[in-house]
Amino acid sequence: MTRFIKSFSKNDNTRITSEAKEVLMGQLEQLTIILFRRAEELSREAQRLTIYPDDLEKAYEELMKPHVFIEEIVDKLDAQKVELKEIARKSVLRHMEG
């Protein structure tokens, strides 16, 4: 782990404590779980039980571009908002007619 970290460090004198290594390992584990679960969803959407490298690559791309998820959620919320306004409008009209 130390060699791995030093290979990416911009400073040759950078050091890391054992506790910091543990924190990093925990964070890497969480990222791995997130990537795996998304890749699993992608394979399921493709009606496959097997996860392929492309699934993991797409999951990684999505993770690195969280705005894609945010845009999808905003679009879904906007659509629901329009639907709810229409339901409310129809309800008010029915109430006024009754």
PDB file of N, CA and C in Angstrom:
ATOM      1  N   MET A   1       0.838  -1.186   0.000  1.00  0.00           N
ATOM      2  CA  MET A   1       0.000   0.000   0.000  1.00  0.00           C
ATOM      3  C   MET A   1       0.882   1.249   0.000  1.00  0.00           C
ATOM      4  N   THR A   2       1.924   1.226   0.811  1.00  0.00           N
ATOM      5  CA  THR A   2       2.802   2.399   0.892  1.00  0.00           C
ATOM      6  C   THR A   2       3.450   2.679  -0.463  1.00  0.00           C
ATOM      7  N   ARG A   3       3.946   1.625  -1.124  1.00  0.00           N
ATOM      8  CA  ARG A   3       4.561   1.809  -2.439  1.00  0.00           C
ATOM      9  C   ARG A   3       3.536   2.335  -3.449  1.00  0.00           C
ATOM     10  N   PHE A   4       2.332   1.822  -3.373  1.00  0.00           N
ATOM     11  CA  PHE A   4       1.267   2.274  -4.275  1.00  0.00           C
ATOM     12  C   PHE A   4       1.009   3.765  -4.080  1.00  0.00           C
ATOM     13  N   ILE A   5       0.869   4.192  -2.847  1.00  0.00           N
ATOM     14  CA  ILE A   5       0.604   5.597  -2.541  1.00  0.00           C
ATOM     15  C   ILE A   5       1.762   6.474  -2.987  1.00  0.00           C
ATOM     16  N   LYS A   6       2.991   6.040  -2.681  1.00  0.00           N
ATOM     17  CA  LYS A   6       4.161   6.832  -3.067  1.00  0.00           C
ATOM     18  C   LYS A   6       4.292   6.947  -4.584  1.00  0.00           C
ATOM     19  N   SER A   7       3.827   5.941  -5.312  1.00  0.00           N
ATOM     20  CA  SER A   7       3.937   5.990  -6.771  1.00  0.00           C
ATOM     21  C   SER A   7       3.059   7.095  -7.361  1.00  0.00           C
ATOM     22  N   PHE A   8       2.030   7.522  -6.622  1.00  0.00           N
ATOM     23  CA  PHE A   8       1.137   8.578  -7.118  1.00  0.00           C
ATOM     24  C   PHE A   8       1.364   9.919  -6.424  1.00  0.00           C
ATOM     25  N   SER A   9       2.183   9.925  -5.411  1.00  0.00           N
ATOM     26  CA  SER A   9       2.426  11.151  -4.659  1.00  0.00           C
ATOM     27  C   SER A   9       3.273  12.123  -5.466  1.00  0.00           C
ATOM     28  N   LYS A  10       2.958  13.395  -5.364  1.00  0.00           N
ATOM     29  CA  LYS A  10       3.732  14.435  -6.044  1.00  0.00           C
ATOM     30  C   LYS A  10       4.965  14.820  -5.235  1.00  0.00           C
ATOM     31  N   ASN A  11       4.997  14.367  -3.987  1.00  0.00           N
ATOM     32  CA  ASN A  11       6.098  14.707  -3.091  1.00  0.00           C
ATOM     33  C   ASN A  11       6.804  13.414  -2.675  1.00  0.00           C
ATOM     34  N   ASP A  12       8.081  13.310  -2.963  1.00  0.00           N
ATOM     35  CA  ASP A  12       8.835  12.095  -2.632  1.00  0.00           C
ATOM     36  C   ASP A  12       8.921  11.830  -1.133  1.00  0.00           C
ATOM     37  N   ASN A  13       8.701  12.833  -0.334  1.00  0.00           N
ATOM     38  CA  ASN A  13       8.825  12.689   1.122  1.00  0.00           C
ATOM     39  C   ASN A  13       7.494  12.394   1.810  1.00  0.00           C
ATOM     40  N   THR A  14       6.444  12.204   1.051  1.00  0.00           N
ATOM     41  CA  THR A  14       5.135  11.946   1.645  1.00  0.00           C
ATOM     42  C   THR A  14       5.152  10.624   2.406  1.00  0.00           C
ATOM     43  N   ARG A  15       4.565  10.667   3.601  1.00  0.00           N
ATOM     44  CA  ARG A  15       4.440   9.465   4.419  1.00  0.00           C
ATOM     45  C   ARG A  15       2.977   9.303   4.791  1.00  0.00           C
ATOM     46  N   ILE A  16       2.610   8.087   5.182  1.00  0.00           N
ATOM     47  CA  ILE A  16       1.223   7.819   5.568  1.00  0.00           C
ATOM     48  C   ILE A  16       1.232   6.919   6.791  1.00  0.00           C
ATOM     49  N   THR A  17       0.379   7.247   7.758  1.00  0.00           N
ATOM     50  CA  THR A  17       0.306   6.452   8.986  1.00  0.00           C
ATOM     51  C   THR A  17      -0.478   5.169   8.738  1.00  0.00           C
ATOM     52  N   SER A  18      -0.326   4.240   9.623  1.00  0.00           N
ATOM     53  CA  SER A  18      -1.076   2.977   9.541  1.00  0.00           C
ATOM     54  C   SER A  18      -2.574   3.242   9.591  1.00  0.00           C
ATOM     55  N   GLU A  19      -2.954   4.198  10.464  1.00  0.00           N
ATOM     56  CA  GLU A  19      -4.377   4.527  10.591  1.00  0.00           C
ATOM     57  C   GLU A  19      -4.914   5.121   9.282  1.00  0.00           C
ATOM     58  N   ALA A  20      -4.123   5.966   8.639  1.00  0.00           N
ATOM     59  CA  ALA A  20      -4.544   6.563   7.373  1.00  0.00           C
ATOM     60  C   ALA A  20      -4.678   5.494   6.294  1.00  0.00           C
ATOM     61  N   LYS A  21      -3.787   4.497   6.307  1.00  0.00           N
ATOM     62  CA  LYS A  21      -3.878   3.381   5.356  1.00  0.00           C
ATOM     63  C   LYS A  21      -5.183   2.619   5.566  1.00  0.00           C
ATOM     64  N   GLU A  22      -5.541   2.406   6.833  1.00  0.00           N
ATOM     65  CA  GLU A  22      -6.789   1.703   7.144  1.00  0.00           C
ATOM     66  C   GLU A  22      -7.995   2.486   6.643  1.00  0.00           C
ATOM     67  N   VAL A  23      -7.969   3.808   6.845  1.00  0.00           N
ATOM     68  CA  VAL A  23      -9.058   4.662   6.363  1.00  0.00           C
ATOM     69  C   VAL A  23      -9.156   4.554   4.839  1.00  0.00           C
ATOM     70  N   LEU A  24      -8.005   4.647   4.167  1.00  0.00           N
ATOM     71  CA  LEU A  24      -7.980   4.555   2.708  1.00  0.00           C
ATOM     72  C   LEU A  24      -8.518   3.207   2.235  1.00  0.00           C
ATOM     73  N   MET A  25      -8.117   2.138   2.885  1.00  0.00           N
ATOM     74  CA  MET A  25      -8.607   0.806   2.510  1.00  0.00           C
ATOM     75  C   MET A  25     -10.125   0.717   2.677  1.00  0.00           C
ATOM     76  N   GLY A  26     -10.642   1.292   3.758  1.00  0.00           N
ATOM     77  CA  GLY A  26     -12.092   1.292   3.961  1.00  0.00           C
ATOM     78  C   GLY A  26     -12.809   2.076   2.876  1.00  0.00           C
ATOM     79  N   GLN A  27     -12.236   3.209   2.489  1.00  0.00           N
ATOM     80  CA  GLN A  27     -12.840   4.020   1.428  1.00  0.00           C
ATOM     81  C   GLN A  27     -12.788   3.286   0.094  1.00  0.00           C
ATOM     82  N   LEU A  28     -11.667   2.636  -0.184  1.00  0.00           N
ATOM     83  CA  LEU A  28     -11.557   1.868  -1.427  1.00  0.00           C
ATOM     84  C   LEU A  28     -12.558   0.719  -1.449  1.00  0.00           C
ATOM     85  N   GLU A  29     -12.765   0.113  -0.293  1.00  0.00           N
ATOM     86  CA  GLU A  29     -13.746  -0.973  -0.193  1.00  0.00           C
ATOM     87  C   GLU A  29     -15.149  -0.446  -0.518  1.00  0.00           C
ATOM     88  N   GLN A  30     -15.497   0.708   0.026  1.00  0.00           N
ATOM     89  CA  GLN A  30     -16.817   1.289  -0.236  1.00  0.00           C
ATOM     90  C   GLN A  30     -16.985   1.634  -1.717  1.00  0.00           C
ATOM     91  N   LEU A  31     -15.941   2.202  -2.319  1.00  0.00           N
ATOM     92  CA  LEU A  31     -16.001   2.516  -3.752  1.00  0.00           C
ATOM     93  C   LEU A  31     -16.163   1.248  -4.581  1.00  0.00           C
ATOM     94  N   THR A  32     -15.471   0.186  -4.180  1.00  0.00           N
ATOM     95  CA  THR A  32     -15.578  -1.087  -4.883  1.00  0.00           C
ATOM     96  C   THR A  32     -16.997  -1.630  -4.800  1.00  0.00           C
ATOM     97  N   ILE A  33     -17.600  -1.519  -3.633  1.00  0.00           N
ATOM     98  CA  ILE A  33     -18.978  -1.990  -3.466  1.00  0.00           C
ATOM     99  C   ILE A  33     -19.928  -1.195  -4.361  1.00  0.00           C
ATOM    100  N   ILE A  34     -19.760   0.123  -4.383  1.00  0.00           N
ATOM    101  CA  ILE A  34     -20.609   0.981  -5.223  1.00  0.00           C
ATOM    102  C   ILE A  34     -20.459   0.600  -6.689  1.00  0.00           C
ATOM    103  N   LEU A  35     -19.231   0.433  -7.141  1.00  0.00           N
ATOM    104  CA  LEU A  35     -18.981   0.065  -8.543  1.00  0.00           C
ATOM    105  C   LEU A  35     -19.574  -1.305  -8.857  1.00  0.00           C
ATOM    106  N   PHE A  36     -19.361  -2.253  -7.971  1.00  0.00           N
ATOM    107  CA  PHE A  36     -19.875  -3.597  -8.200  1.00  0.00           C
ATOM    108  C   PHE A  36     -21.398  -3.618  -8.278  1.00  0.00           C
ATOM    109  N   ARG A  37     -22.049  -2.931  -7.342  1.00  0.00           N
ATOM    110  CA  ARG A  37     -23.516  -2.935  -7.336  1.00  0.00           C
ATOM    111  C   ARG A  37     -24.089  -2.284  -8.592  1.00  0.00           C
ATOM    112  N   ARG A  38     -23.461  -1.196  -9.051  1.00  0.00           N
ATOM    113  CA  ARG A  38     -23.945  -0.549 -10.276  1.00  0.00           C
ATOM    114  C   ARG A  38     -23.695  -1.445 -11.483  1.00  0.00           C
ATOM    115  N   ALA A  39     -22.527  -2.094 -11.531  1.00  0.00           N
ATOM    116  CA  ALA A  39     -22.235  -3.020 -12.629  1.00  0.00           C
ATOM    117  C   ALA A  39     -23.234  -4.180 -12.621  1.00  0.00           C
ATOM    118  N   GLU A  40     -23.602  -4.620 -11.436  1.00  0.00           N
ATOM    119  CA  GLU A  40     -24.596  -5.682 -11.290  1.00  0.00           C
ATOM    120  C   GLU A  40     -25.948  -5.226 -11.843  1.00  0.00           C
ATOM    121  N   GLU A  41     -26.337  -3.989 -11.529  1.00  0.00           N
ATOM    122  CA  GLU A  41     -27.584  -3.436 -12.067  1.00  0.00           C
ATOM    123  C   GLU A  41     -27.536  -3.376 -13.589  1.00  0.00           C
ATOM    124  N   LEU A  42     -26.411  -2.939 -14.125  1.00  0.00           N
ATOM    125  CA  LEU A  42     -26.279  -2.830 -15.572  1.00  0.00           C
ATOM    126  C   LEU A  42     -26.384  -4.197 -16.247  1.00  0.00           C
ATOM    127  N   SER A  43     -25.776  -5.197 -15.649  1.00  0.00           N
ATOM    128  CA  SER A  43     -25.871  -6.544 -16.231  1.00  0.00           C
ATOM    129  C   SER A  43     -27.301  -7.071 -16.140  1.00  0.00           C
ATOM    130  N   ARG A  44     -27.976  -6.767 -15.020  1.00  0.00           N
ATOM    131  CA  ARG A  44     -29.368  -7.195 -14.856  1.00  0.00           C
ATOM    132  C   ARG A  44     -30.264  -6.500 -15.886  1.00  0.00           C
ATOM    133  N   GLU A  45     -30.009  -5.188 -16.115  1.00  0.00           N
ATOM    134  CA  GLU A  45     -30.789  -4.443 -17.116  1.00  0.00           C
ATOM    135  C   GLU A  45     -30.595  -5.038 -18.504  1.00  0.00           C
ATOM    136  N   ALA A  46     -29.415  -5.605 -18.747  1.00  0.00           N
ATOM    137  CA  ALA A  46     -29.132  -6.254 -20.027  1.00  0.00           C
ATOM    138  C   ALA A  46     -29.587  -7.716 -20.010  1.00  0.00           C
ATOM    139  N   GLN A  47     -30.313  -8.091 -18.975  1.00  0.00           N
ATOM    140  CA  GLN A  47     -30.843  -9.436 -18.780  1.00  0.00           C
ATOM    141  C   GLN A  47     -29.737 -10.487 -18.770  1.00  0.00           C
ATOM    142  N   ARG A  48     -28.670 -10.152 -18.035  1.00  0.00           N
ATOM    143  CA  ARG A  48     -27.550 -11.074 -17.867  1.00  0.00           C
ATOM    144  C   ARG A  48     -27.286 -11.277 -16.386  1.00  0.00           C
ATOM    145  N   LEU A  49     -26.775 -12.450 -16.049  1.00  0.00           N
ATOM    146  CA  LEU A  49     -26.358 -12.722 -14.679  1.00  0.00           C
ATOM    147  C   LEU A  49     -24.861 -12.476 -14.510  1.00  0.00           C
ATOM    148  N   THR A  50     -24.168 -12.340 -15.618  1.00  0.00           N
ATOM    149  CA  THR A  50     -22.719 -12.177 -15.591  1.00  0.00           C
ATOM    150  C   THR A  50     -22.341 -10.717 -15.778  1.00  0.00           C
ATOM    151  N   ILE A  51     -21.432 -10.251 -14.933  1.00  0.00           N
ATOM    152  CA  ILE A  51     -20.907  -8.887 -15.036  1.00  0.00           C
ATOM    153  C   ILE A  51     -19.687  -8.926 -15.946  1.00  0.00           C
ATOM    154  N   TYR A  52     -19.708  -8.066 -16.957  1.00  0.00           N
ATOM    155  CA  TYR A  52     -18.597  -7.978 -17.899  1.00  0.00           C
ATOM    156  C   TYR A  52     -17.780  -6.716 -17.631  1.00  0.00           C
ATOM    157  N   PRO A  53     -16.559  -6.675 -18.174  1.00  0.00           N
ATOM    158  CA  PRO A  53     -15.733  -5.479 -17.989  1.00  0.00           C
ATOM    159  C   PRO A  53     -16.442  -4.190 -18.399  1.00  0.00           C
ATOM    160  N   ASP A  54     -17.230  -4.243 -19.467  1.00  0.00           N
ATOM    161  CA  ASP A  54     -17.957  -3.050 -19.918  1.00  0.00           C
ATOM    162  C   ASP A  54     -18.907  -2.532 -18.843  1.00  0.00           C
ATOM    163  N   ASP A  55     -19.521  -3.445 -18.090  1.00  0.00           N
ATOM    164  CA  ASP A  55     -20.427  -3.042 -17.012  1.00  0.00           C
ATOM    165  C   ASP A  55     -19.666  -2.250 -15.945  1.00  0.00           C
ATOM    166  N   LEU A  56     -18.493  -2.748 -15.594  1.00  0.00           N
ATOM    167  CA  LEU A  56     -17.675  -2.066 -14.593  1.00  0.00           C
ATOM    168  C   LEU A  56     -17.158  -0.731 -15.123  1.00  0.00           C
ATOM    169  N   GLU A  57     -16.793  -0.703 -16.390  1.00  0.00           N
ATOM    170  CA  GLU A  57     -16.304   0.552 -16.974  1.00  0.00           C
ATOM    171  C   GLU A  57     -17.409   1.602 -17.006  1.00  0.00           C
ATOM    172  N   LYS A  58     -18.613   1.182 -17.376  1.00  0.00           N
ATOM    173  CA  LYS A  58     -19.731   2.129 -17.404  1.00  0.00           C
ATOM    174  C   LYS A  58     -20.057   2.610 -15.983  1.00  0.00           C
ATOM    175  N   ALA A  59     -20.043   1.698 -15.034  1.00  0.00           N
ATOM    176  CA  ALA A  59     -20.297   2.068 -13.640  1.00  0.00           C
ATOM    177  C   ALA A  59     -19.258   3.078 -13.166  1.00  0.00           C
ATOM    178  N   TYR A  60     -18.011   2.860 -13.546  1.00  0.00           N
ATOM    179  CA  TYR A  60     -16.936   3.776 -13.161  1.00  0.00           C
ATOM    180  C   TYR A  60     -17.138   5.145 -13.804  1.00  0.00           C
ATOM    181  N   GLU A  61     -17.484   5.150 -15.088  1.00  0.00           N
ATOM    182  CA  GLU A  61     -17.733   6.423 -15.785  1.00  0.00           C
ATOM    183  C   GLU A  61     -18.861   7.187 -15.112  1.00  0.00           C
ATOM    184  N   GLU A  62     -19.920   6.482 -14.746  1.00  0.00           N
ATOM    185  CA  GLU A  62     -21.047   7.128 -14.074  1.00  0.00           C
ATOM    186  C   GLU A  62     -20.618   7.688 -12.717  1.00  0.00           C
ATOM    187  N   LEU A  63     -19.812   6.931 -11.999  1.00  0.00           N
ATOM    188  CA  LEU A  63     -19.350   7.385 -10.691  1.00  0.00           C
ATOM    189  C   LEU A  63     -18.494   8.637 -10.819  1.00  0.00           C
ATOM    190  N   MET A  64     -17.708   8.701 -11.876  1.00  0.00           N
ATOM    191  CA  MET A  64     -16.831   9.848 -12.075  1.00  0.00           C
ATOM    192  C   MET A  64     -17.592  11.061 -12.611  1.00  0.00           C
ATOM    193  N   LYS A  65     -18.820  10.839 -13.063  1.00  0.00           N
ATOM    194  CA  LYS A  65     -19.656  11.928 -13.576  1.00  0.00           C
ATOM    195  C   LYS A  65     -20.998  11.912 -12.848  1.00  0.00           C
ATOM    196  N   PRO A  66     -20.998  12.284 -11.575  1.00  0.00           N
ATOM    197  CA  PRO A  66     -22.245  12.192 -10.805  1.00  0.00           C
ATOM    198  C   PRO A  66     -23.359  13.092 -11.330  1.00  0.00           C
ATOM    199  N   HIS A  67     -23.005  14.099 -12.122  1.00  0.00           N
ATOM    200  CA  HIS A  67     -24.056  14.966 -12.655  1.00  0.00           C
ATOM    201  C   HIS A  67     -25.033  14.192 -13.523  1.00  0.00           C
ATOM    202  N   VAL A  68     -24.610  13.082 -14.102  1.00  0.00           N
ATOM    203  CA  VAL A  68     -25.509  12.260 -14.915  1.00  0.00           C
ATOM    204  C   VAL A  68     -26.641  11.737 -14.044  1.00  0.00           C
ATOM    205  N   PHE A  69     -26.305  11.204 -12.861  1.00  0.00           N
ATOM    206  CA  PHE A  69     -27.324  10.716 -11.944  1.00  0.00           C
ATOM    207  C   PHE A  69     -28.230  11.853 -11.490  1.00  0.00           C
ATOM    208  N   ILE A  70     -27.634  12.983 -11.171  1.00  0.00           N
ATOM    209  CA  ILE A  70     -28.401  14.134 -10.699  1.00  0.00           C
ATOM    210  C   ILE A  70     -29.384  14.585 -11.779  1.00  0.00           C
ATOM    211  N   GLU A  71     -28.920  14.655 -13.025  1.00  0.00           N
ATOM    212  CA  GLU A  71     -29.798  15.061 -14.124  1.00  0.00           C
ATOM    213  C   GLU A  71     -30.954  14.084 -14.294  1.00  0.00           C
ATOM    214  N   GLU A  72     -30.663  12.783 -14.189  1.00  0.00           N
ATOM    215  CA  GLU A  72     -31.730  11.784 -14.308  1.00  0.00           C
ATOM    216  C   GLU A  72     -32.764  11.951 -13.199  1.00  0.00           C
ATOM    217  N   ILE A  73     -32.301  12.173 -11.994  1.00  0.00           N
ATOM    218  CA  ILE A  73     -33.207  12.341 -10.858  1.00  0.00           C
ATOM    219  C   ILE A  73     -34.039  13.608 -11.031  1.00  0.00           C
ATOM    220  N   VAL A  74     -33.401  14.708 -11.442  1.00  0.00           N
ATOM    221  CA  VAL A  74     -34.118  15.967 -11.652  1.00  0.00           C
ATOM    222  C   VAL A  74     -35.175  15.788 -12.733  1.00  0.00           C
ATOM    223  N   ASP A  75     -34.832  15.101 -13.822  1.00  0.00           N
ATOM    224  CA  ASP A  75     -35.804  14.851 -14.889  1.00  0.00           C
ATOM    225  C   ASP A  75     -36.996  14.051 -14.377  1.00  0.00           C
ATOM    226  N   LYS A  76     -36.720  13.014 -13.579  1.00  0.00           N
ATOM    227  CA  LYS A  76     -37.805  12.205 -13.019  1.00  0.00           C
ATOM    228  C   LYS A  76     -38.683  13.034 -12.086  1.00  0.00           C
ATOM    229  N   LEU A  77     -38.039  13.864 -11.260  1.00  0.00           N
ATOM    230  CA  LEU A  77     -38.806  14.713 -10.341  1.00  0.00           C
ATOM    231  C   LEU A  77     -39.642  15.736 -11.103  1.00  0.00           C
ATOM    232  N   ASP A  78     -39.084  16.299 -12.173  1.00  0.00           N
ATOM    233  CA  ASP A  78     -39.840  17.245 -12.986  1.00  0.00           C
ATOM    234  C   ASP A  78     -41.059  16.576 -13.603  1.00  0.00           C
ATOM    235  N   ALA A  79     -40.888  15.356 -14.098  1.00  0.00           N
ATOM    236  CA  ALA A  79     -42.006  14.624 -14.691  1.00  0.00           C
ATOM    237  C   ALA A  79     -43.080  14.342 -13.644  1.00  0.00           C
ATOM    238  N   GLN A  80     -42.660  13.951 -12.446  1.00  0.00           N
ATOM    239  CA  GLN A  80     -43.611  13.695 -11.372  1.00  0.00           C
ATOM    240  C   GLN A  80     -44.326  14.980 -10.963  1.00  0.00           C
ATOM    241  N   LYS A  81     -43.603  16.073 -10.964  1.00  0.00           N
ATOM    242  CA  LYS A  81     -44.197  17.364 -10.617  1.00  0.00           C
ATOM    243  C   LYS A  81     -45.309  17.719 -11.592  1.00  0.00           C
ATOM    244  N   VAL A  82     -45.073  17.522 -12.882  1.00  0.00           N
ATOM    245  CA  VAL A  82     -46.078  17.799 -13.908  1.00  0.00           C
ATOM    246  C   VAL A  82     -47.288  16.896 -13.697  1.00  0.00           C
ATOM    247  N   GLU A  83     -47.039  15.613 -13.438  1.00  0.00           N
ATOM    248  CA  GLU A  83     -48.135  14.664 -13.209  1.00  0.00           C
ATOM    249  C   GLU A  83     -48.956  15.067 -11.984  1.00  0.00           C
ATOM    250  N   LEU A  84     -48.287  15.437 -10.909  1.00  0.00           N
ATOM    251  CA  LEU A  84     -49.000  15.821  -9.693  1.00  0.00           C
ATOM    252  C   LEU A  84     -49.822  17.095  -9.892  1.00  0.00           C
ATOM    253  N   LYS A  85     -49.288  18.060 -10.649  1.00  0.00           N
ATOM    254  CA  LYS A  85     -50.047  19.282 -10.935  1.00  0.00           C
ATOM    255  C   LYS A  85     -51.311  18.948 -11.719  1.00  0.00           C
ATOM    256  N   GLU A  86     -51.185  18.031 -12.675  1.00  0.00           N
ATOM    257  CA  GLU A  86     -52.343  17.638 -13.482  1.00  0.00           C
ATOM    258  C   GLU A  86     -53.380  16.915 -12.616  1.00  0.00           C
ATOM    259  N   ILE A  87     -52.928  16.044 -11.747  1.00  0.00           N
ATOM    260  CA  ILE A  87     -53.839  15.341 -10.832  1.00  0.00           C
ATOM    261  C   ILE A  87     -54.543  16.344  -9.924  1.00  0.00           C
ATOM    262  N   ALA A  88     -53.796  17.306  -9.392  1.00  0.00           N
ATOM    263  CA  ALA A  88     -54.383  18.316  -8.511  1.00  0.00           C
ATOM    264  C   ALA A  88     -55.393  19.170  -9.274  1.00  0.00           C
ATOM    265  N   ARG A  89     -55.055  19.559 -10.503  1.00  0.00           N
ATOM    266  CA  ARG A  89     -55.967  20.369 -11.318  1.00  0.00           C
ATOM    267  C   ARG A  89     -57.263  19.615 -11.574  1.00  0.00           C
ATOM    268  N   LYS A  90     -57.176  18.330 -11.930  1.00  0.00           N
ATOM    269  CA  LYS A  90     -58.377  17.523 -12.189  1.00  0.00           C
ATOM    270  C   LYS A  90     -59.204  17.367 -10.922  1.00  0.00           C
ATOM    271  N   SER A  91     -58.538  17.199  -9.802  1.00  0.00           N
ATOM    272  CA  SER A  91     -59.222  17.034  -8.530  1.00  0.00           C
ATOM    273  C   SER A  91     -59.995  18.300  -8.164  1.00  0.00           C
ATOM    274  N   VAL A  92     -59.365  19.454  -8.368  1.00  0.00           N
ATOM    275  CA  VAL A  92     -60.014  20.725  -8.071  1.00  0.00           C
ATOM    276  C   VAL A  92     -61.236  20.908  -8.983  1.00  0.00           C
ATOM    277  N   LEU A  93     -61.072  20.582 -10.268  1.00  0.00           N
ATOM    278  CA  LEU A  93     -62.197  20.714 -11.206  1.00  0.00           C
ATOM    279  C   LEU A  93     -63.359  19.814 -10.808  1.00  0.00           C
ATOM    280  N   ARG A  94     -63.065  18.590 -10.417  1.00  0.00           N
ATOM    281  CA  ARG A  94     -64.131  17.650  -9.984  1.00  0.00           C
ATOM    282  C   ARG A  94     -64.832  18.180  -8.736  1.00  0.00           C
ATOM    283  N   HIS A  95     -64.036  18.738  -7.829  1.00  0.00           N
ATOM    284  CA  HIS A  95     -64.575  19.261  -6.594  1.00  0.00           C
ATOM    285  C   HIS A  95     -65.515  20.456  -6.888  1.00  0.00           C
ATOM    286  N   MET A  96     -65.100  21.299  -7.833  1.00  0.00           N
ATOM    287  CA  MET A  96     -65.893  22.463  -8.177  1.00  0.00           C
ATOM    288  C   MET A  96     -67.183  22.066  -8.892  1.00  0.00           C
ATOM    289  N   GLU A  97     -67.129  20.967  -9.655  1.00  0.00           N
ATOM    290  CA  GLU A  97     -68.321  20.507 -10.383  1.00  0.00           C
ATOM    291  C   GLU A  97     -69.312  19.858  -9.436  1.00  0.00           C
ATOM    292  N   GLY A  98     -68.799  19.281  -8.354  1.00  0.00           N
ATOM    293  CA  GLY A  98     -69.644  18.512  -7.451  1.00  0.00           C
ATOM    294  C   GLY A  98     -70.325  19.365  -6.493  1.00  0.00           C
TER     295      GLY A  98
END
